[in-house]
C-alpha cells in the first residue's frame, strides 16, 4: 500500500466513523518530540507507534503495533509477556514499514495489516485528543481519544514505562 493510499484510507475511515479530528500541516518531521513542538501538543499526548516482533515458541512469530504516549518508552518485556513470547525485539525497518504500510516516523496507531496486532498503553488514552503523523511526515491528525478507541479497537495493556 502506498503512503498516499494509506492516508486517504485513514481519512475515509475517520469520516465514515463520524470521528472528531483535525488535520495539522507542518514541516516534515517524524521524531515524536520534534513533531509535537511543531504541532503544539504535549509530547504525552502524541501516539508513539512502534512495530515489535515477538517469538512465541520455536515456530511462531507475531508482530505487534505498540502504541505508547510520546513521553514514554516501550517496555519490550511487557509486550513479550502479554503475548506469551520467548523473545522480543523491534522489527527491522523494512518489515515494520511493510506491515505498517508507511515509512518510519509516519506509522499510524491503526493496524491495516492482518499480521499486525494493535496494542495501546492505557496511559495513552488519558488525554482527550491523540496526535500522530498521518502516514506522512508533513501532516498530522489530532483525533478525539474516544473515537480512536472506538474505531481502532486496540487491545489495551500496560506496555509503557516512564523515564
Protein backbone atom coordinates (compact mmCIF):
# COMPACT_ATOMS: atom_id res chain seq x y z
CA UNK A 1 0.00 0.00 0.00
CA UNK A 2 1.35 3.42 -0.94
CA UNK A 3 1.60 6.03 1.81
CA UNK A 4 -0.86 8.33 -0.02
CA UNK A 5 -3.33 5.46 -0.23
CA UNK A 6 -2.96 4.78 3.49
CA UNK A 7 -3.52 8.46 4.32
CA UNK A 8 -6.65 8.51 2.13
CA UNK A 9 -7.91 5.26 3.68
CA UNK A 10 -7.43 6.61 7.21
CA UNK A 11 -9.25 9.88 6.49
CA UNK A 12 -12.07 7.97 4.77
CA UNK A 13 -12.35 5.62 7.75
CA UNK A 14 -12.41 8.52 10.21
CA UNK A 15 -15.09 10.28 8.16
CA UNK A 16 -17.15 7.10 7.78
CA UNK A 17 -16.90 6.51 11.53
CA UNK A 18 -18.01 10.05 12.37
CA UNK A 19 -14.73 10.76 14.18
CA UNK A 20 -13.87 14.17 15.59
CA UNK A 21 -10.46 15.06 14.17
CA UNK A 22 -8.36 17.89 12.80
CA UNK A 23 -5.64 17.86 10.16
CA UNK A 24 -2.46 19.72 11.04
CA UNK A 25 0.06 20.65 8.34
CA UNK A 26 3.66 21.18 9.47
CA UNK A 27 7.26 20.94 8.31
CA UNK A 28 8.26 17.34 7.52
CA UNK A 29 9.25 15.61 10.76
CA UNK A 30 8.98 12.08 12.16
CA UNK A 31 10.56 12.34 15.61
CA UNK A 32 7.88 12.45 18.32
CA UNK A 33 9.40 15.21 20.44
CA UNK A 34 10.14 17.49 17.48
CA UNK A 35 6.83 16.99 15.66
CA UNK A 36 4.95 17.60 18.92
CA UNK A 37 6.65 21.01 19.09
CA UNK A 38 5.62 21.75 15.50
CA UNK A 39 2.02 20.73 16.19
CA UNK A 40 1.89 22.50 19.56
CA UNK A 41 0.79 19.46 21.56
CA UNK A 42 2.17 17.99 24.78
CA UNK A 43 4.53 15.12 24.00
CA UNK A 44 2.49 12.92 26.37
CA UNK A 45 -0.49 13.34 24.01
CA UNK A 46 1.43 12.06 20.99
CA UNK A 47 0.92 8.45 19.92
CA UNK A 48 4.35 6.85 19.51
CA UNK A 49 3.93 3.82 17.26
CA UNK A 50 6.48 1.01 17.24
CA UNK A 51 6.46 -2.33 15.45
CA UNK A 52 7.70 -5.22 17.56
CA UNK A 53 8.46 -8.85 16.70
CA UNK A 54 7.60 -11.49 19.31
CA UNK A 55 8.73 -15.10 19.03
CA UNK A 56 6.25 -17.49 20.57
CA UNK A 57 7.89 -20.89 20.90
CA UNK A 58 10.24 -22.00 18.14
CA UNK A 59 7.95 -21.72 15.14
CA UNK A 60 5.62 -18.77 15.58
CA UNK A 61 6.43 -15.09 15.05
CA UNK A 62 3.87 -12.43 15.89
CA UNK A 63 4.07 -8.73 15.16
CA UNK A 64 2.67 -6.02 17.40
CA UNK A 65 1.98 -2.39 16.67
CA UNK A 66 2.70 -1.00 20.12
CA UNK A 67 1.31 2.49 20.78
CA UNK A 68 2.58 4.39 23.81
CA UNK A 69 2.49 8.01 24.97
CA UNK A 70 5.15 10.12 23.27
CA UNK A 71 6.96 10.82 26.54
CA UNK A 72 7.21 7.13 27.49
CA UNK A 73 9.38 4.23 26.42
CA UNK A 74 8.08 0.90 25.23
CA UNK A 75 8.61 -1.91 27.73
CA UNK A 76 9.58 -4.76 25.42
CA UNK A 77 9.37 -7.29 28.27
CA UNK A 78 5.75 -6.32 28.90
CA UNK A 79 4.91 -6.92 25.22
CA UNK A 80 6.70 -10.29 25.30
CA UNK A 81 4.84 -11.34 28.45
CA UNK A 82 1.50 -10.11 27.11
CA UNK A 83 1.82 -12.41 24.10
CA UNK A 84 3.41 -15.30 26.00
CA UNK A 85 6.57 -14.90 23.96
CA UNK A 86 10.06 -16.25 24.46
CA UNK A 87 11.89 -13.46 22.61
CA UNK A 88 11.07 -9.86 21.67
CA UNK A 89 12.79 -7.19 19.60
CA UNK A 90 11.93 -4.19 17.50
CA UNK A 91 11.08 -5.31 13.98
CA UNK A 92 13.66 -4.34 11.37
CA UNK A 93 12.80 -1.20 9.44
CA UNK A 94 11.82 -2.97 6.21
CA UNK A 95 9.43 -5.37 7.97
CA UNK A 96 7.97 -2.59 10.15
CA UNK A 97 7.29 -0.38 7.13
CA UNK A 98 5.79 -3.31 5.19
CA UNK A 99 3.39 -4.22 8.00
CA UNK A 100 2.52 -0.62 8.93
CA UNK A 101 2.13 0.49 5.33
CA UNK A 102 4.17 3.66 5.79
CA UNK A 103 7.73 4.78 6.45
CA UNK A 104 9.29 5.06 9.87
CA UNK A 105 8.16 8.23 11.61
CA UNK A 106 4.73 8.10 9.97
CA UNK A 107 3.36 4.84 11.37
CA UNK A 108 -0.30 5.15 12.28
CA UNK A 109 -1.79 3.98 15.59
CA UNK A 110 -4.16 1.86 13.47
CA UNK A 111 -3.39 -1.56 12.03
CA UNK A 112 -4.41 -2.23 8.45
CA UNK A 113 -2.42 -5.47 8.16
CA UNK A 114 -3.86 -8.78 9.40
CA UNK A 115 -0.48 -9.86 10.86
CA UNK A 116 -0.04 -6.66 12.89
CA UNK A 117 -1.74 -6.80 16.31
CA UNK A 118 -2.60 -3.42 17.81
CA UNK A 119 -1.80 -2.87 21.50
CA UNK A 120 -2.13 0.52 23.20
CA UNK A 121 -0.88 1.52 26.62
CA UNK A 122 -3.70 2.79 28.89
CA UNK A 123 -1.68 5.94 29.64
CA UNK A 124 -2.12 6.93 26.01
CA UNK A 125 -5.88 7.09 26.50
CA UNK A 126 -5.80 9.65 29.34
CA UNK A 127 -5.71 12.71 27.07
CA UNK A 128 -8.87 13.96 25.32
CA UNK A 129 -7.04 14.01 21.96
CA UNK A 130 -4.24 11.95 20.42
CA UNK A 131 -1.77 13.39 17.94
CA UNK A 132 0.07 11.38 15.29
CA UNK A 133 1.60 11.71 11.85
CA UNK A 134 -0.99 10.77 9.27
CA UNK A 135 1.07 8.28 7.23
CA UNK A 136 3.10 11.27 6.02
CA UNK A 137 5.82 13.42 7.51
CA UNK A 138 4.16 16.77 6.73
CA UNK A 139 0.65 16.21 8.06
CA UNK A 140 -0.67 15.07 11.41
CA UNK A 141 -4.05 14.27 12.85
CA UNK A 142 -5.45 15.32 16.21
CA UNK A 143 -8.10 12.68 16.94
CA UNK A 144 -10.56 12.51 19.81
CA UNK A 145 -9.31 9.69 22.05
CA UNK A 146 -12.79 8.21 22.43
CA UNK A 147 -13.06 7.96 18.65
CA UNK A 148 -9.61 6.36 18.46
CA UNK A 149 -10.55 3.61 20.90
CA UNK A 150 -13.91 3.09 19.18
CA UNK A 151 -12.53 2.91 15.63
CA UNK A 152 -9.09 1.33 16.13
CA UNK A 153 -10.28 -1.03 18.89
CA UNK A 154 -6.80 -1.61 20.31
CA UNK A 155 -6.03 -4.21 22.91
CA UNK A 156 -5.28 -2.06 25.96
CA UNK A 157 -2.46 -3.24 28.20
CA UNK A 158 0.33 -1.63 30.24
CA UNK A 159 3.30 -1.70 27.84
CA UNK A 160 4.94 1.68 28.54
CA UNK A 161 7.41 2.85 31.11
CA UNK A 162 8.02 6.45 32.06
CA UNK A 163 11.55 7.72 32.46
